[in-house]
Amino acid sequence: MAKVRGAIVVDIEKCKGCEVCVGACPTDVIGMSTAVNAKGYHYAYMKNPEACTGCTNCAIVCPDGVITVYRKKMDK
C-alpha cells in the first residue's frame, strides 16, 4: 500500500495567527512563526513537514480559509 505524504501552503499575509489549526493537527505538523506578516500577526507554517499526512483537518478548521492541503502517494 502506498503511503500518502501531505503538504500545506499557508497564505501568510491573510493568516491571523489564531492557532486553531495547530490544535487540529493530529501529527503536530503546524507551528506558529516567530516572524510576523504585514498586519503584525504570527502566522502558521509547517514546522514538521515530514509528518504531514494530508488529512485536511487544518484547512477545515481554519476560519479564514488560508490553508491549502496537497496530497501525493509515495511508493515505498
PDB file of N, CA and C in Angstrom:
ATOM      1  N   MET A   1       0.839  -1.182   0.000  1.00  0.00           N
ATOM      2  CA  MET A   1       0.000   0.000   0.000  1.00  0.00           C
ATOM      3  C   MET A   1       0.887   1.249   0.000  1.00  0.00           C
ATOM      4  N   ALA A   2       0.557   2.188  -0.839  1.00  0.00           N
ATOM      5  CA  ALA A   2       1.351   3.411  -0.951  1.00  0.00           C
ATOM      6  C   ALA A   2       1.071   4.337   0.226  1.00  0.00           C
ATOM      7  N   LYS A   3       2.123   4.979   0.691  1.00  0.00           N
ATOM      8  CA  LYS A   3       1.991   5.931   1.779  1.00  0.00           C
ATOM      9  C   LYS A   3       1.606   7.288   1.195  1.00  0.00           C
ATOM     10  N   VAL A   4       0.772   8.016   1.911  1.00  0.00           N
ATOM     11  CA  VAL A   4       0.359   9.341   1.455  1.00  0.00           C
ATOM     12  C   VAL A   4       1.160  10.385   2.212  1.00  0.00           C
ATOM     13  N   ARG A   5       1.786  11.268   1.456  1.00  0.00           N
ATOM     14  CA  ARG A   5       2.503  12.397   2.043  1.00  0.00           C
ATOM     15  C   ARG A   5       1.679  13.635   1.780  1.00  0.00           C
ATOM     16  N   GLY A   6       1.654  14.503   2.731  1.00  0.00           N
ATOM     17  CA  GLY A   6       0.897  15.727   2.583  1.00  0.00           C
ATOM     18  C   GLY A   6       1.798  16.934   2.695  1.00  0.00           C
ATOM     19  N   ALA A   7       1.236  18.056   2.307  1.00  0.00           N
ATOM     20  CA  ALA A   7       1.924  19.341   2.451  1.00  0.00           C
ATOM     21  C   ALA A   7       0.860  20.417   2.542  1.00  0.00           C
ATOM     22  N   ILE A   8       1.147  21.445   3.322  1.00  0.00           N
ATOM     23  CA  ILE A   8       0.207  22.560   3.404  1.00  0.00           C
ATOM     24  C   ILE A   8       0.878  23.825   2.898  1.00  0.00           C
ATOM     25  N   VAL A   9       0.051  24.692   2.362  1.00  0.00           N
ATOM     26  CA  VAL A   9       0.505  26.017   1.958  1.00  0.00           C
ATOM     27  C   VAL A   9      -0.383  27.011   2.682  1.00  0.00           C
ATOM     28  N   VAL A  10       0.241  27.912   3.430  1.00  0.00           N
ATOM     29  CA  VAL A  10      -0.493  28.921   4.192  1.00  0.00           C
ATOM     30  C   VAL A  10      -0.308  30.266   3.511  1.00  0.00           C
ATOM     31  N   ASP A  11      -1.411  30.967   3.268  1.00  0.00           N
ATOM     32  CA  ASP A  11      -1.330  32.333   2.754  1.00  0.00           C
ATOM     33  C   ASP A  11      -0.952  33.206   3.946  1.00  0.00           C
ATOM     34  N   ILE A  12       0.343  33.427   4.125  1.00  0.00           N
ATOM     35  CA  ILE A  12       0.819  34.067   5.345  1.00  0.00           C
ATOM     36  C   ILE A  12       0.327  35.508   5.514  1.00  0.00           C
ATOM     37  N   GLU A  13       0.041  36.178   4.442  1.00  0.00           N
ATOM     38  CA  GLU A  13      -0.442  37.555   4.565  1.00  0.00           C
ATOM     39  C   GLU A  13      -1.897  37.633   5.027  1.00  0.00           C
ATOM     40  N   LYS A  14      -2.639  36.544   4.877  1.00  0.00           N
ATOM     41  CA  LYS A  14      -4.033  36.526   5.330  1.00  0.00           C
ATOM     42  C   LYS A  14      -4.222  35.805   6.660  1.00  0.00           C
ATOM     43  N   CYS A  15      -3.196  35.080   7.110  1.00  0.00           N
ATOM     44  CA  CYS A  15      -3.275  34.329   8.365  1.00  0.00           C
ATOM     45  C   CYS A  15      -3.299  35.312   9.539  1.00  0.00           C
ATOM     46  N   LYS A  16      -4.260  35.117  10.465  1.00  0.00           N
ATOM     47  CA  LYS A  16      -4.386  35.985  11.636  1.00  0.00           C
ATOM     48  C   LYS A  16      -3.764  35.386  12.887  1.00  0.00           C
ATOM     49  N   GLY A  17      -3.151  34.219  12.761  1.00  0.00           N
ATOM     50  CA  GLY A  17      -2.456  33.624  13.890  1.00  0.00           C
ATOM     51  C   GLY A  17      -3.356  33.140  15.006  1.00  0.00           C
ATOM     52  N   CYS A  18      -4.540  32.671  14.692  1.00  0.00           N
ATOM     53  CA  CYS A  18      -5.491  32.236  15.721  1.00  0.00           C
ATOM     54  C   CYS A  18      -5.083  30.912  16.372  1.00  0.00           C
ATOM     55  N   GLU A  19      -4.224  30.138  15.728  1.00  0.00           N
ATOM     56  CA  GLU A  19      -3.692  28.867  16.212  1.00  0.00           C
ATOM     57  C   GLU A  19      -4.711  27.731  16.268  1.00  0.00           C
ATOM     58  N   VAL A  20      -5.868  27.879  15.665  1.00  0.00           N
ATOM     59  CA  VAL A  20      -6.860  26.802  15.643  1.00  0.00           C
ATOM     60  C   VAL A  20      -6.302  25.601  14.885  1.00  0.00           C
ATOM     61  N   CYS A  21      -5.583  25.838  13.822  1.00  0.00           N
ATOM     62  CA  CYS A  21      -5.010  24.755  13.020  1.00  0.00           C
ATOM     63  C   CYS A  21      -3.972  23.945  13.790  1.00  0.00           C
ATOM     64  N   VAL A  22      -3.253  24.589  14.694  1.00  0.00           N
ATOM     65  CA  VAL A  22      -2.221  23.908  15.472  1.00  0.00           C
ATOM     66  C   VAL A  22      -2.846  22.797  16.314  1.00  0.00           C
ATOM     67  N   GLY A  23      -3.936  23.090  16.976  1.00  0.00           N
ATOM     68  CA  GLY A  23      -4.622  22.103  17.796  1.00  0.00           C
ATOM     69  C   GLY A  23      -5.334  21.038  16.993  1.00  0.00           C
ATOM     70  N   ALA A  24      -5.713  21.358  15.765  1.00  0.00           N
ATOM     71  CA  ALA A  24      -6.449  20.411  14.923  1.00  0.00           C
ATOM     72  C   ALA A  24      -5.542  19.396  14.247  1.00  0.00           C
ATOM     73  N   CYS A  25      -4.250  19.650  14.208  1.00  0.00           N
ATOM     74  CA  CYS A  25      -3.316  18.759  13.511  1.00  0.00           C
ATOM     75  C   CYS A  25      -2.976  17.552  14.377  1.00  0.00           C
ATOM     76  N   PRO A  26      -3.345  16.342  13.933  1.00  0.00           N
ATOM     77  CA  PRO A  26      -3.095  15.147  14.748  1.00  0.00           C
ATOM     78  C   PRO A  26      -1.630  14.694  14.762  1.00  0.00           C
ATOM     79  N   THR A  27      -0.816  15.209  13.844  1.00  0.00           N
ATOM     80  CA  THR A  27       0.580  14.768  13.767  1.00  0.00           C
ATOM     81  C   THR A  27       1.577  15.869  14.131  1.00  0.00           C
ATOM     82  N   ASP A  28       1.101  16.944  14.738  1.00  0.00           N
ATOM     83  CA  ASP A  28       1.955  18.033  15.220  1.00  0.00           C
ATOM     84  C   ASP A  28       2.845  18.612  14.119  1.00  0.00           C
ATOM     85  N   VAL A  29       2.248  18.866  12.965  1.00  0.00           N
ATOM     86  CA  VAL A  29       2.983  19.407  11.823  1.00  0.00           C
ATOM     87  C   VAL A  29       3.070  20.927  11.870  1.00  0.00           C
ATOM     88  N   ILE A  30       2.039  21.571  12.366  1.00  0.00           N
ATOM     89  CA  ILE A  30       1.931  23.026  12.254  1.00  0.00           C
ATOM     90  C   ILE A  30       2.436  23.737  13.500  1.00  0.00           C
ATOM     91  N   GLY A  31       3.178  24.802  13.268  1.00  0.00           N
ATOM     92  CA  GLY A  31       3.651  25.658  14.348  1.00  0.00           C
ATOM     93  C   GLY A  31       3.384  27.101  13.987  1.00  0.00           C
ATOM     94  N   MET A  32       3.635  27.978  14.915  1.00  0.00           N
ATOM     95  CA  MET A  32       3.459  29.401  14.663  1.00  0.00           C
ATOM     96  C   MET A  32       4.835  30.043  14.472  1.00  0.00           C
ATOM     97  N   SER A  33       4.945  30.847  13.453  1.00  0.00           N
ATOM     98  CA  SER A  33       6.204  31.501  13.121  1.00  0.00           C
ATOM     99  C   SER A  33       6.555  32.566  14.160  1.00  0.00           C
ATOM    100  N   THR A  34       7.837  32.783  14.350  1.00  0.00           N
ATOM    101  CA  THR A  34       8.263  33.876  15.219  1.00  0.00           C
ATOM    102  C   THR A  34       8.239  35.199  14.452  1.00  0.00           C
ATOM    103  N   ALA A  35       8.250  35.102  13.129  1.00  0.00           N
ATOM    104  CA  ALA A  35       8.142  36.296  12.290  1.00  0.00           C
ATOM    105  C   ALA A  35       6.673  36.713  12.196  1.00  0.00           C
ATOM    106  N   VAL A  36       6.434  37.914  11.744  1.00  0.00           N
ATOM    107  CA  VAL A  36       5.065  38.402  11.588  1.00  0.00           C
ATOM    108  C   VAL A  36       4.810  38.804  10.145  1.00  0.00           C
ATOM    109  N   ASN A  37       3.524  38.780   9.757  1.00  0.00           N
ATOM    110  CA  ASN A  37       3.156  39.213   8.414  1.00  0.00           C
ATOM    111  C   ASN A  37       2.966  40.732   8.399  1.00  0.00           C
ATOM    112  N   ALA A  38       2.524  41.282   7.293  1.00  0.00           N
ATOM    113  CA  ALA A  38       2.385  42.732   7.142  1.00  0.00           C
ATOM    114  C   ALA A  38       1.377  43.335   8.119  1.00  0.00           C
ATOM    115  N   LYS A  39       0.443  42.514   8.607  1.00  0.00           N
ATOM    116  CA  LYS A  39      -0.568  43.009   9.558  1.00  0.00           C
ATOM    117  C   LYS A  39      -0.129  42.825  11.012  1.00  0.00           C
ATOM    118  N   GLY A  40       1.050  42.243  11.219  1.00  0.00           N
ATOM    119  CA  GLY A  40       1.579  42.091  12.563  1.00  0.00           C
ATOM    120  C   GLY A  40       1.213  40.797  13.262  1.00  0.00           C
ATOM    121  N   TYR A  41       0.672  39.829  12.529  1.00  0.00           N
ATOM    122  CA  TYR A  41       0.289  38.548  13.127  1.00  0.00           C
ATOM    123  C   TYR A  41       1.384  37.504  12.924  1.00  0.00           C
ATOM    124  N   HIS A  42       1.582  36.664  13.928  1.00  0.00           N
ATOM    125  CA  HIS A  42       2.420  35.478  13.755  1.00  0.00           C
ATOM    126  C   HIS A  42       1.589  34.498  12.937  1.00  0.00           C
ATOM    127  N   TYR A  43       2.165  33.886  11.929  1.00  0.00           N
ATOM    128  CA  TYR A  43       1.415  33.031  11.009  1.00  0.00           C
ATOM    129  C   TYR A  43       1.818  31.569  11.156  1.00  0.00           C
ATOM    130  N   ALA A  44       0.926  30.686  10.707  1.00  0.00           N
ATOM    131  CA  ALA A  44       1.170  29.238  10.770  1.00  0.00           C
ATOM    132  C   ALA A  44       2.153  28.826   9.681  1.00  0.00           C
ATOM    133  N   TYR A  45       2.925  27.774   9.964  1.00  0.00           N
ATOM    134  CA  TYR A  45       3.844  27.210   8.979  1.00  0.00           C
ATOM    135  C   TYR A  45       4.063  25.730   9.305  1.00  0.00           C
ATOM    136  N   MET A  46       4.666  24.998   8.390  1.00  0.00           N
ATOM    137  CA  MET A  46       4.941  23.574   8.591  1.00  0.00           C
ATOM    138  C   MET A  46       6.242  23.427   9.369  1.00  0.00           C
ATOM    139  N   LYS A  47       6.159  23.175  10.672  1.00  0.00           N
ATOM    140  CA  LYS A  47       7.370  23.009  11.477  1.00  0.00           C
ATOM    141  C   LYS A  47       7.909  21.585  11.404  1.00  0.00           C
ATOM    142  N   ASN A  48       7.067  20.638  11.000  1.00  0.00           N
ATOM    143  CA  ASN A  48       7.442  19.229  10.941  1.00  0.00           C
ATOM    144  C   ASN A  48       6.878  18.623   9.650  1.00  0.00           C
ATOM    145  N   PRO A  49       7.357  19.055   8.489  1.00  0.00           N
ATOM    146  CA  PRO A  49       6.739  18.674   7.217  1.00  0.00           C
ATOM    147  C   PRO A  49       6.732  17.188   6.905  1.00  0.00           C
ATOM    148  N   GLU A  50       7.726  16.437   7.383  1.00  0.00           N
ATOM    149  CA  GLU A  50       7.776  15.009   7.067  1.00  0.00           C
ATOM    150  C   GLU A  50       6.665  14.210   7.745  1.00  0.00           C
ATOM    151  N   ALA A  51       5.999  14.795   8.737  1.00  0.00           N
ATOM    152  CA  ALA A  51       4.926  14.093   9.448  1.00  0.00           C
ATOM    153  C   ALA A  51       3.543  14.347   8.845  1.00  0.00           C
ATOM    154  N   CYS A  52       3.433  15.240   7.885  1.00  0.00           N
ATOM    155  CA  CYS A  52       2.123  15.596   7.317  1.00  0.00           C
ATOM    156  C   CYS A  52       1.526  14.440   6.514  1.00  0.00           C
ATOM    157  N   THR A  53       0.283  14.102   6.830  1.00  0.00           N
ATOM    158  CA  THR A  53      -0.429  13.028   6.132  1.00  0.00           C
ATOM    159  C   THR A  53      -1.436  13.562   5.121  1.00  0.00           C
ATOM    160  N   GLY A  54      -1.642  14.875   5.101  1.00  0.00           N
ATOM    161  CA  GLY A  54      -2.613  15.462   4.182  1.00  0.00           C
ATOM    162  C   GLY A  54      -4.045  15.249   4.623  1.00  0.00           C
ATOM    163  N   CYS A  55      -4.280  15.170   5.927  1.00  0.00           N
ATOM    164  CA  CYS A  55      -5.619  14.853   6.449  1.00  0.00           C
ATOM    165  C   CYS A  55      -6.640  15.978   6.230  1.00  0.00           C
ATOM    166  N   THR A  56      -6.224  17.175   6.003  1.00  0.00           N
ATOM    167  CA  THR A  56      -7.026  18.384   5.758  1.00  0.00           C
ATOM    168  C   THR A  56      -7.712  18.957   6.993  1.00  0.00           C
ATOM    169  N   ASN A  57      -7.436  18.423   8.190  1.00  0.00           N
ATOM    170  CA  ASN A  57      -8.052  18.979   9.396  1.00  0.00           C
ATOM    171  C   ASN A  57      -7.765  20.466   9.540  1.00  0.00           C
ATOM    172  N   CYS A  58      -6.537  20.868   9.274  1.00  0.00           N
ATOM    173  CA  CYS A  58      -6.153  22.269   9.424  1.00  0.00           C
ATOM    174  C   CYS A  58      -6.947  23.178   8.489  1.00  0.00           C
ATOM    175  N   ALA A  59      -7.103  22.747   7.259  1.00  0.00           N
ATOM    176  CA  ALA A  59      -7.837  23.556   6.283  1.00  0.00           C
ATOM    177  C   ALA A  59      -9.320  23.644   6.629  1.00  0.00           C
ATOM    178  N   ILE A  60      -9.864  22.567   7.175  1.00  0.00           N
ATOM    179  CA  ILE A  60     -11.283  22.548   7.535  1.00  0.00           C
ATOM    180  C   ILE A  60     -11.571  23.506   8.680  1.00  0.00           C
ATOM    181  N   VAL A  61     -10.712  23.545   9.692  1.00  0.00           N
ATOM    182  CA  VAL A  61     -10.982  24.380  10.862  1.00  0.00           C
ATOM    183  C   VAL A  61     -10.535  25.827  10.708  1.00  0.00           C
ATOM    184  N   CYS A  62      -9.743  26.127   9.704  1.00  0.00           N
ATOM    185  CA  CYS A  62      -9.240  27.499   9.524  1.00  0.00           C
ATOM    186  C   CYS A  62     -10.411  28.455   9.261  1.00  0.00           C
ATOM    187  N   PRO A  63     -10.644  29.407  10.169  1.00  0.00           N
ATOM    188  CA  PRO A  63     -11.786  30.303   9.997  1.00  0.00           C
ATOM    189  C   PRO A  63     -11.667  31.256   8.808  1.00  0.00           C
ATOM    190  N   ASP A  64     -10.441  31.469   8.342  1.00  0.00           N
ATOM    191  CA  ASP A  64     -10.234  32.389   7.226  1.00  0.00           C
ATOM    192  C   ASP A  64      -9.936  31.686   5.907  1.00  0.00           C
ATOM    193  N   GLY A  65      -9.861  30.364   5.922  1.00  0.00           N
ATOM    194  CA  GLY A  65      -9.637  29.603   4.697  1.00  0.00           C
ATOM    195  C   GLY A  65      -8.313  29.893   4.022  1.00  0.00           C
ATOM    196  N   VAL A  66      -7.259  30.076   4.809  1.00  0.00           N
ATOM    197  CA  VAL A  66      -5.964  30.440   4.230  1.00  0.00           C
ATOM    198  C   VAL A  66      -5.017  29.257   4.053  1.00  0.00           C
ATOM    199  N   ILE A  67      -5.489  28.031   4.373  1.00  0.00           N
ATOM    200  CA  ILE A  67      -4.639  26.850   4.265  1.00  0.00           C
ATOM    201  C   ILE A  67      -5.105  25.966   3.120  1.00  0.00           C
ATOM    202  N   THR A  68      -4.167  25.597   2.262  1.00  0.00           N
ATOM    203  CA  THR A  68      -4.428  24.664   1.174  1.00  0.00           C
ATOM    204  C   THR A  68      -3.607  23.410   1.451  1.00  0.00           C
ATOM    205  N   VAL A  69      -4.234  22.251   1.295  1.00  0.00           N
ATOM    206  CA  VAL A  69      -3.559  20.982   1.571  1.00  0.00           C
ATOM    207  C   VAL A  69      -3.367  20.224   0.279  1.00  0.00           C
ATOM    208  N   TYR A  70      -2.187  19.663   0.102  1.00  0.00           N
ATOM    209  CA  TYR A  70      -1.859  18.845  -1.061  1.00  0.00           C
ATOM    210  C   TYR A  70      -1.494  17.446  -0.569  1.00  0.00           C
ATOM    211  N   ARG A  71      -1.869  16.435  -1.360  1.00  0.00           N
ATOM    212  CA  ARG A  71      -1.531  15.048  -1.036  1.00  0.00           C
ATOM    213  C   ARG A  71      -0.894  14.386  -2.232  1.00  0.00           C
ATOM    214  N   LYS A  72       0.081  13.506  -1.944  1.00  0.00           N
ATOM    215  CA  LYS A  72       0.747  12.763  -3.015  1.00  0.00           C
ATOM    216  C   LYS A  72       1.016  11.361  -2.509  1.00  0.00           C
ATOM    217  N   LYS A  73       0.703  10.355  -3.318  1.00  0.00           N
ATOM    218  CA  LYS A  73       1.005   8.983  -2.965  1.00  0.00           C
ATOM    219  C   LYS A  73       2.473   8.723  -3.231  1.00  0.00           C
ATOM    220  N   MET A  74       3.126   8.148  -2.235  1.00  0.00           N
ATOM    221  CA  MET A  74       4.562   7.865  -2.329  1.00  0.00           C
ATOM    222  C   MET A  74       4.729   6.350  -2.413  1.00  0.00           C
ATOM    223  N   ASP A  75       5.514   5.881  -3.368  1.00  0.00           N
ATOM    224  CA  ASP A  75       5.812   4.447  -3.465  1.00  0.00           C
ATOM    225  C   ASP A  75       6.896   4.107  -2.452  1.00  0.00           C
ATOM    226  N   LYS A  76       6.750   2.968  -1.833  1.00  0.00           N
ATOM    227  CA  LYS A  76       7.744   2.568  -0.818  1.00  0.00           C
ATOM    228  C   LYS A  76       9.007   2.071  -1.430  1.00  0.00           C
TER     229      LYS A  76
END
